[in-house]
Amino acid sequence: MTSLHGIRVLDLTSYLMGPFATQILGDMGADVIKIEPHEGDLVRMIGPARSPGMGGMFMQCNRNKRSLVLDLKQPAGRDAVLKLAERADILVHNVRPQAMARLGLSYEAVSAANPAIVYIGAVGFGQDGPYAAQPALDDLMQGMVAIPSLFERAGAEGPRYVPLAMADRQAGLALVNAVLGALVHKLRSGEGQAVEMPMFETLAQGVLGDHLMGAAFDPPLGPPGYARHLSRDRRPFRTADGHVCAFIISDRQWRNFFAGIGEPARMDDPRFATLPARTEHSGEVYGFLEALFRTRTTAQWLELLRAADIPAGPLHTLESLLEDEHLNAVGFFERREHPSEGPVLNLRPPARWSRTPLETARLAPRLGEHSAEVLAEAGYSLAQIDALAAAGVTTPRG
């Protein structure tokens, strides 16, 4: 049995942050009901697909869910959500609170149907600040917490975004934590509650947690900015025949490293002797390593670094990552047969649990695949379901 077996989640999220979070809940065994409009989650349309609405990105953040189509702008659609909420433990949305209120699905309305429900709003910004009503997406969030400017400060030609949806992914993990924390309280006390989980503040915490540095003190002991992270030479090291990724940080690792290259006395250099000194002289330290790593092959460096117990590995491309020996040995890539899409590659849940293992019980659902099934579980008769479909509230049975 999985850890969240018996927990029902109403998932009113779209794009990546919310769906990534609810997929993790589904991996833990929660019954996640993904409520979508007739046009479906926009991410269904991103990337190659064998069938319309089943794009590659959607497939990787919507497994272990059932899809229910509802037109929430119709009163009957709202009523269906409230009826489902009566038997749900958690409702997660990433709609702006004002819009949820206009739909008749505010916390007050949902908790009236089920006072014990955990109601999580994944919002762009905290709702007591001047940005409260603004929309938020990954690129905007990266920019507003200074990530693109950090690239420029570290020596890039100009500001740029991290080339993946890292804001959605980081905030999605924080959203999972918020859900689980509120769920623990509910299971202990029987009390539901409303939780606001803002992206902006979550990401600002991550950036400033690294870069506040001297500005953490009052008065400041120095400007914000972690010198090592901002060194223009902090990048994969070029070797004689490629690149290697390595991170040498502790005194023990540096001693092992210098012993490995036959220069143990270099540890006496004041710039290398301590962590504070190496941080202060990050540019010089990285410059030394940049020149040194060009003198041996990638294989030679990996052998030396691993013998010294220093974190090191190859610089992968997307293509070579799919061939990584470790990921393939641990079964990270699951080749599965999707009921409608045929052979697909599923990324298995990363964590290993000794008593309640995670599993992929369902691959990503087709749009509205479970509409009739979920509505029937909520108490709707087949005639009522057909009437809702005829009115355009949901999809027809079949």
Protein backbone atom coordinates (compact mmCIF):
# COMPACT_ATOMS: atom_id res chain seq x y z
CA MET A 1 0.00 0.00 0.00
CA THR A 2 1.29 3.48 -0.87
CA SER A 3 1.65 6.22 1.74
CA LEU A 4 -1.26 8.41 0.53
CA HIS A 5 -3.62 5.53 -0.29
CA GLY A 6 -7.18 6.67 0.38
CA ILE A 7 -6.40 10.40 0.11
CA ARG A 8 -8.38 12.17 -2.60
CA VAL A 9 -7.04 15.31 -4.30
CA LEU A 10 -9.06 17.64 -6.51
CA ASP A 11 -6.49 19.10 -8.88
CA LEU A 12 -7.58 22.38 -10.46
CA THR A 13 -4.07 23.25 -11.62
CA SER A 14 -2.57 23.63 -15.08
CA TYR A 15 0.77 24.36 -16.74
CA LEU A 16 3.68 22.89 -14.70
CA MET A 17 3.98 24.03 -11.08
CA GLY A 18 0.69 22.57 -9.88
CA PRO A 19 0.59 19.47 -12.10
CA PHE A 20 4.18 18.57 -11.14
CA ALA A 21 3.21 18.80 -7.46
CA THR A 22 0.01 16.80 -7.80
CA GLN A 23 1.83 14.15 -9.84
CA ILE A 24 4.13 13.62 -6.85
CA LEU A 25 1.05 13.22 -4.64
CA GLY A 26 -0.27 10.70 -7.15
CA ASP A 27 3.05 8.83 -7.09
CA MET A 28 2.53 8.52 -3.31
CA GLY A 29 -0.81 6.87 -3.96
CA ALA A 30 -3.29 9.74 -3.71
CA ASP A 31 -6.35 9.57 -5.97
CA VAL A 32 -5.73 12.72 -8.01
CA ILE A 33 -8.68 13.98 -10.04
CA LYS A 34 -7.45 16.47 -12.64
CA ILE A 35 -10.29 18.87 -13.45
CA GLU A 36 -9.84 20.42 -16.88
CA PRO A 37 -11.80 22.71 -19.20
CA HIS A 38 -13.02 21.36 -22.52
CA GLU A 39 -9.88 22.59 -24.26
CA GLY A 40 -7.71 20.83 -21.68
CA ASP A 41 -4.56 21.89 -19.89
CA LEU A 42 -2.52 24.06 -22.28
CA VAL A 43 0.56 21.88 -21.67
CA ARG A 44 -1.21 19.04 -23.49
CA MET A 45 -0.29 20.91 -26.68
CA ILE A 46 3.45 21.32 -26.04
CA GLY A 47 5.86 19.06 -27.91
CA PRO A 48 5.49 16.11 -30.27
CA ALA A 49 2.44 13.89 -29.79
CA ARG A 50 0.95 10.76 -31.32
CA SER A 51 -2.55 11.97 -30.49
CA PRO A 52 -3.88 15.53 -30.08
CA GLY A 53 -3.57 16.73 -26.51
CA MET A 54 -1.03 14.13 -25.44
CA GLY A 55 2.25 16.01 -25.84
CA GLY A 56 5.51 14.83 -24.32
CA MET A 57 5.69 17.45 -21.58
CA PHE A 58 2.14 16.72 -20.43
CA MET A 59 2.93 13.02 -20.25
CA GLN A 60 5.76 13.68 -17.77
CA CYS A 61 3.79 15.72 -15.20
CA ASN A 62 0.35 14.14 -15.21
CA ARG A 63 0.74 10.44 -14.53
CA ASN A 64 -1.23 8.84 -11.70
CA LYS A 65 -4.24 11.09 -12.33
CA ARG A 66 -7.77 10.78 -13.61
CA SER A 67 -9.06 13.46 -16.02
CA LEU A 68 -12.48 15.01 -15.48
CA VAL A 69 -13.73 17.70 -17.86
CA LEU A 70 -15.94 20.38 -16.29
CA ASP A 71 -16.96 23.81 -17.49
CA LEU A 72 -16.60 25.68 -14.21
CA LYS A 73 -18.21 28.81 -15.65
CA GLN A 74 -21.52 26.98 -15.67
CA PRO A 75 -23.29 26.64 -12.31
CA ALA A 76 -23.62 22.90 -12.84
CA GLY A 77 -19.85 22.62 -13.24
CA ARG A 78 -19.26 24.52 -10.01
CA ASP A 79 -21.85 22.39 -8.25
CA ALA A 80 -20.05 19.24 -9.42
CA VAL A 81 -16.77 20.47 -7.89
CA LEU A 82 -18.53 21.22 -4.61
CA LYS A 83 -20.12 17.77 -4.65
CA LEU A 84 -16.72 16.17 -5.27
CA ALA A 85 -15.24 18.31 -2.49
CA GLU A 86 -17.56 16.71 0.03
CA ARG A 87 -15.52 13.50 -0.26
CA ALA A 88 -12.12 15.02 -0.95
CA ASP A 89 -9.23 15.63 1.42
CA ILE A 90 -7.38 18.26 -0.60
CA LEU A 91 -8.20 20.83 -3.26
CA VAL A 92 -5.26 22.43 -5.08
CA HIS A 93 -5.66 25.29 -7.55
CA ASN A 94 -3.42 27.78 -9.33
CA VAL A 95 -6.17 30.14 -10.37
CA ARG A 96 -5.98 33.67 -8.99
CA PRO A 97 -8.14 33.86 -5.84
CA GLN A 98 -10.37 36.56 -7.31
CA ALA A 99 -11.20 34.25 -10.22
CA MET A 100 -11.89 31.33 -7.88
CA ALA A 101 -14.31 33.57 -5.97
CA ARG A 102 -16.07 34.56 -9.21
CA LEU A 103 -16.46 30.86 -10.02
CA GLY A 104 -18.07 30.28 -6.63
CA LEU A 105 -15.11 28.15 -5.52
CA SER A 106 -13.49 30.32 -2.85
CA TYR A 107 -12.24 28.68 0.33
CA GLU A 108 -15.40 29.82 2.08
CA ALA A 109 -17.60 28.13 -0.52
CA VAL A 110 -15.59 24.89 -0.63
CA SER A 111 -15.17 24.63 3.14
CA ALA A 112 -18.92 25.09 3.54
CA ALA A 113 -19.27 21.85 1.56
CA ASN A 114 -16.47 20.15 3.55
CA PRO A 115 -15.06 21.94 6.62
CA ALA A 116 -12.23 19.38 6.86
CA ILE A 117 -10.85 20.02 3.39
CA VAL A 118 -7.30 21.31 2.86
CA TYR A 119 -7.59 24.13 0.32
CA ILE A 120 -4.25 25.08 -1.27
CA GLY A 121 -3.90 28.11 -3.50
CA ALA A 122 -0.71 28.11 -5.58
CA VAL A 123 -0.47 31.81 -6.38
CA GLY A 124 2.11 33.96 -8.08
CA PHE A 125 2.45 36.44 -5.24
CA GLY A 126 1.38 36.71 -1.62
CA GLN A 127 -2.12 38.12 -1.57
CA ASP A 128 -1.39 40.88 0.94
CA GLY A 129 1.13 42.65 -1.31
CA PRO A 130 0.92 45.06 -4.26
CA TYR A 131 1.58 42.29 -6.83
CA ALA A 132 -1.33 40.16 -5.57
CA ALA A 133 -3.47 40.31 -8.71
CA GLN A 134 -0.65 39.93 -11.24
CA PRO A 135 -0.26 36.75 -13.32
CA ALA A 136 2.89 34.66 -12.89
CA LEU A 137 4.74 32.19 -15.11
CA ASP A 138 8.19 30.62 -15.00
CA ASP A 139 10.19 33.14 -17.06
CA LEU A 140 8.67 36.08 -15.20
CA MET A 141 9.42 34.49 -11.84
CA GLN A 142 13.03 33.78 -12.78
CA GLY A 143 13.49 37.39 -13.78
CA MET A 144 11.80 38.89 -10.75
CA VAL A 145 14.05 36.97 -8.34
CA ALA A 146 17.20 38.09 -10.21
CA ILE A 147 18.24 34.76 -11.75
CA PRO A 148 18.90 36.18 -15.27
CA SER A 149 20.93 39.06 -13.81
CA LEU A 150 23.08 36.54 -11.90
CA PHE A 151 24.21 35.08 -15.24
CA GLU A 152 25.32 38.51 -16.40
CA ARG A 153 27.01 39.24 -13.08
CA ALA A 154 28.88 35.94 -13.41
CA GLY A 155 30.29 36.95 -16.79
CA ALA A 156 27.66 36.00 -19.39
CA GLU A 157 27.09 38.36 -22.30
CA GLY A 158 23.74 39.39 -20.90
CA PRO A 159 20.87 38.25 -18.68
CA ARG A 160 19.23 34.96 -19.61
CA TYR A 161 16.76 32.49 -18.20
CA VAL A 162 17.73 29.03 -16.96
CA PRO A 163 16.77 26.82 -19.96
CA LEU A 164 14.22 24.75 -18.09
CA ALA A 165 11.11 25.49 -16.03
CA MET A 166 13.11 25.62 -12.81
CA ALA A 167 10.80 28.16 -11.15
CA ASP A 168 7.79 25.90 -11.69
CA ARG A 169 9.70 22.84 -10.49
CA GLN A 170 11.13 24.48 -7.35
CA ALA A 171 7.80 26.05 -6.43
CA GLY A 172 6.08 22.75 -7.19
CA LEU A 173 8.23 20.96 -4.63
CA ALA A 174 7.38 23.66 -2.09
CA LEU A 175 3.71 23.14 -2.95
CA VAL A 176 4.02 19.42 -2.16
CA ASN A 177 5.50 20.32 1.23
CA ALA A 178 2.61 22.70 1.94
CA VAL A 179 0.03 20.06 1.00
CA LEU A 180 1.63 17.38 3.15
CA GLY A 181 2.06 19.68 6.15
CA ALA A 182 -1.60 20.73 6.05
CA LEU A 183 -2.65 17.11 5.50
CA VAL A 184 -0.77 15.97 8.61
CA HIS A 185 -2.61 18.62 10.63
CA LYS A 186 -5.94 17.50 9.15
CA LEU A 187 -5.30 13.84 9.96
CA ARG A 188 -4.27 14.70 13.53
CA SER A 189 -7.03 17.20 14.30
CA GLY A 190 -9.76 16.77 11.73
CA GLU A 191 -9.37 20.46 10.84
CA GLY A 192 -9.15 21.74 7.31
CA GLN A 193 -7.59 25.07 6.42
CA ALA A 194 -6.68 27.41 3.61
CA VAL A 195 -3.02 27.59 2.58
CA GLU A 196 -1.50 30.21 0.28
CA MET A 197 1.69 29.11 -1.50
CA PRO A 198 3.27 31.98 -3.50
CA MET A 199 5.87 31.37 -6.21
CA PHE A 200 7.63 34.74 -5.92
CA GLU A 201 8.39 34.52 -2.23
CA THR A 202 9.36 30.84 -2.53
CA LEU A 203 11.90 31.55 -5.25
CA ALA A 204 13.17 34.70 -3.56
CA GLN A 205 13.89 32.59 -0.50
CA GLY A 206 15.99 30.23 -2.60
CA VAL A 207 17.98 32.94 -4.37
CA LEU A 208 18.60 35.07 -1.31
CA GLY A 209 19.33 32.03 0.82
CA ASP A 210 22.47 31.65 -1.30
CA HIS A 211 23.21 35.27 -2.09
CA LEU A 212 22.17 37.40 0.88
CA MET A 213 25.60 36.83 2.45
CA GLY A 214 26.84 40.03 4.17
CA ALA A 215 23.47 41.72 3.73
CA ALA A 216 22.04 39.19 6.21
CA PHE A 217 23.44 41.37 9.01
CA ASP A 218 22.30 44.76 10.29
CA PRO A 219 24.25 46.82 9.52
CA PRO A 220 25.46 44.83 6.47
CA LEU A 221 28.86 43.18 6.67
CA GLY A 222 29.13 43.31 2.90
CA PRO A 223 27.04 43.36 -0.28
CA PRO A 224 24.74 40.52 -1.36
CA GLY A 225 26.27 37.93 -3.69
CA TYR A 226 28.05 34.61 -3.15
CA ALA A 227 31.45 35.10 -4.79
CA ARG A 228 31.97 31.43 -5.69
CA HIS A 229 28.63 31.16 -7.46
CA LEU A 230 29.28 34.42 -9.28
CA SER A 231 32.76 33.54 -10.52
CA ARG A 232 32.88 33.62 -14.32
CA ASP A 233 35.00 30.44 -14.17
CA ARG A 234 32.37 28.43 -12.25
CA ARG A 235 31.45 26.08 -15.07
CA PRO A 236 32.33 22.58 -16.27
CA PHE A 237 36.09 22.26 -16.63
CA ARG A 238 37.46 21.77 -20.13
CA THR A 239 39.76 18.76 -20.30
CA ALA A 240 42.14 17.62 -22.99
CA ASP A 241 39.30 15.86 -24.81
CA GLY A 242 36.01 17.17 -23.40
CA HIS A 243 34.63 18.42 -20.09
CA VAL A 244 34.28 17.22 -16.52
CA CYS A 245 32.04 18.46 -13.72
CA ALA A 246 33.63 18.57 -10.27
CA PHE A 247 33.07 20.33 -6.96
CA ILE A 248 35.93 20.52 -4.49
CA ILE A 249 34.89 22.29 -1.28
CA SER A 250 36.14 20.81 2.01
CA ASP A 251 39.72 20.99 3.29
CA ARG A 252 39.93 17.19 3.14
CA GLN A 253 38.87 17.16 -0.51
CA TRP A 254 41.45 19.82 -1.40
CA ARG A 255 44.21 17.90 0.40
CA ASN A 256 43.22 14.74 -1.48
CA PHE A 257 43.12 16.67 -4.74
CA PHE A 258 46.57 18.20 -4.34
CA ALA A 259 47.97 14.83 -3.28
CA GLY A 260 46.41 13.27 -6.39
CA ILE A 261 48.09 15.74 -8.73
CA GLY A 262 51.40 15.43 -6.87
CA GLU A 263 51.39 18.91 -5.34
CA PRO A 264 50.53 18.41 -1.63
CA ALA A 265 52.46 21.54 -0.62
CA ARG A 266 50.01 23.75 -2.52
CA MET A 267 47.64 23.38 0.44
CA ASP A 268 50.00 25.77 2.26
CA ASP A 269 49.13 28.54 -0.19
CA PRO A 270 47.00 31.00 1.86
CA ARG A 271 44.50 31.26 -1.00
CA PHE A 272 43.78 27.53 -0.79
CA ALA A 273 44.32 26.81 2.89
CA THR A 274 40.78 27.38 4.23
CA LEU A 275 37.20 27.55 2.96
CA PRO A 276 36.86 31.29 3.75
CA ALA A 277 40.09 31.97 1.86
CA ARG A 278 39.02 29.88 -1.13
CA THR A 279 35.67 31.71 -1.17
CA GLU A 280 37.37 35.12 -1.04
CA HIS A 281 39.74 34.13 -3.85
CA SER A 282 37.19 32.23 -5.95
CA GLY A 283 38.34 33.80 -9.18
CA GLU A 284 41.95 32.78 -8.65
CA VAL A 285 41.00 29.29 -7.48
CA TYR A 286 38.79 28.67 -10.49
CA GLY A 287 41.43 30.14 -12.80
CA PHE A 288 44.00 27.68 -11.44
CA LEU A 289 41.62 24.75 -11.93
CA GLU A 290 40.58 25.92 -15.40
CA ALA A 291 44.18 25.77 -16.60
CA LEU A 292 44.99 22.54 -14.77
CA PHE A 293 42.05 20.52 -16.06
CA ARG A 294 43.10 21.08 -19.67
CA THR A 295 46.24 19.01 -19.05
CA ARG A 296 44.52 15.58 -18.75
CA THR A 297 41.70 13.69 -20.40
CA THR A 298 38.19 13.42 -18.97
CA ALA A 299 38.73 9.74 -18.13
CA GLN A 300 41.99 10.51 -16.31
CA TRP A 301 40.36 13.26 -14.27
CA LEU A 302 37.34 11.15 -13.35
CA GLU A 303 39.63 8.36 -12.14
CA LEU A 304 41.72 10.78 -10.04
CA LEU A 305 38.73 12.69 -8.61
CA ARG A 306 36.77 9.60 -7.69
CA ALA A 307 39.81 8.08 -6.02
CA ALA A 308 40.07 11.28 -3.96
CA ASP A 309 36.35 11.01 -3.01
CA ILE A 310 35.57 14.29 -4.77
CA PRO A 311 32.13 14.74 -6.39
CA ALA A 312 32.75 14.46 -10.12
CA GLY A 313 31.04 13.25 -13.24
CA PRO A 314 30.77 13.70 -16.99
CA LEU A 315 29.15 16.71 -18.65
CA HIS A 316 26.04 15.21 -20.21
CA THR A 317 23.97 16.41 -23.10
CA LEU A 318 20.23 15.69 -23.15
CA GLU A 319 20.99 12.82 -25.53
CA SER A 320 23.77 11.28 -23.44
CA LEU A 321 21.74 11.69 -20.24
CA LEU A 322 19.24 9.22 -21.67
CA GLU A 323 22.11 6.74 -21.97
CA ASP A 324 23.55 7.34 -18.48
CA GLU A 325 24.69 4.02 -17.03
CA HIS A 326 23.47 4.78 -13.51
CA LEU A 327 19.99 5.94 -14.52
CA ASN A 328 19.56 2.88 -16.68
CA ALA A 329 20.92 0.53 -13.98
CA VAL A 330 18.42 1.79 -11.37
CA GLY A 331 15.49 1.56 -13.77
CA PHE A 332 14.83 5.29 -13.92
CA PHE A 333 13.62 5.02 -17.51
CA GLU A 334 10.53 2.83 -17.65
CA ARG A 335 9.41 1.74 -21.08
CA ARG A 336 5.66 1.32 -20.81
CA GLU A 337 2.68 0.73 -23.06
CA HIS A 338 0.20 3.59 -22.89
CA PRO A 339 -3.41 2.52 -23.55
CA SER A 340 -3.84 5.06 -26.35
CA GLU A 341 -0.35 6.38 -27.13
CA GLY A 342 1.52 3.12 -27.52
CA PRO A 343 5.14 2.68 -26.31
CA VAL A 344 6.27 5.58 -24.12
CA LEU A 345 9.17 6.44 -21.84
CA ASN A 346 8.13 7.10 -18.24
CA LEU A 347 10.48 8.63 -15.67
CA ARG A 348 9.90 6.58 -12.54
CA PRO A 349 9.44 8.31 -9.18
CA PRO A 350 13.01 8.90 -7.92
CA ALA A 351 12.57 8.09 -4.20
CA ARG A 352 12.80 4.55 -2.80
CA TRP A 353 10.47 3.69 0.10
CA SER A 354 10.95 0.48 2.09
CA ARG A 355 7.32 -0.01 3.23
CA THR A 356 5.14 2.17 0.99
CA PRO A 357 6.89 2.24 -2.38
CA LEU A 358 5.90 4.79 -4.99
CA GLU A 359 4.45 3.53 -8.22
CA THR A 360 3.14 4.57 -11.60
CA ALA A 361 -0.30 3.01 -11.49
CA ARG A 362 -1.61 5.13 -14.36
CA LEU A 363 0.09 6.87 -17.24
CA ALA A 364 -1.12 10.36 -18.20
CA PRO A 365 -4.86 10.42 -18.94
CA ARG A 366 -6.59 11.44 -22.14
CA LEU A 367 -8.69 14.57 -21.84
CA GLY A 368 -11.91 13.70 -20.05
CA GLU A 369 -11.07 10.01 -19.97
CA HIS A 370 -12.55 9.55 -16.49
CA SER A 371 -15.33 12.14 -16.51
CA ALA A 372 -18.24 9.71 -16.29
CA GLU A 373 -16.40 7.45 -13.84
CA VAL A 374 -15.59 10.25 -11.39
CA LEU A 375 -19.05 11.84 -11.59
CA ALA A 376 -20.68 8.46 -10.97
CA GLU A 377 -18.52 8.03 -7.85
CA ALA A 378 -19.79 11.42 -6.67
CA GLY A 379 -23.38 10.17 -6.89
CA TYR A 380 -24.49 11.31 -10.34
CA SER A 381 -26.72 8.90 -12.23
CA LEU A 382 -25.97 7.99 -15.83
CA ALA A 383 -28.95 10.11 -16.91
CA GLN A 384 -27.59 13.09 -14.98
CA ILE A 385 -24.14 12.62 -16.49
CA ASP A 386 -25.65 12.51 -19.98
CA ALA A 387 -27.59 15.69 -19.21
CA LEU A 388 -24.42 17.44 -18.08
CA ALA A 389 -22.70 16.35 -21.29
CA ALA A 390 -25.61 17.57 -23.40
CA ALA A 391 -25.38 20.95 -21.68
CA GLY A 392 -21.66 21.17 -22.38
CA VAL A 393 -20.67 20.90 -18.73
CA THR A 394 -18.67 17.70 -19.24
CA THR A 395 -17.72 15.27 -21.97
CA PRO A 396 -20.06 12.54 -23.24
CA ARG A 397 -19.75 9.00 -21.99
CA GLY A 398 -18.10 6.57 -24.33
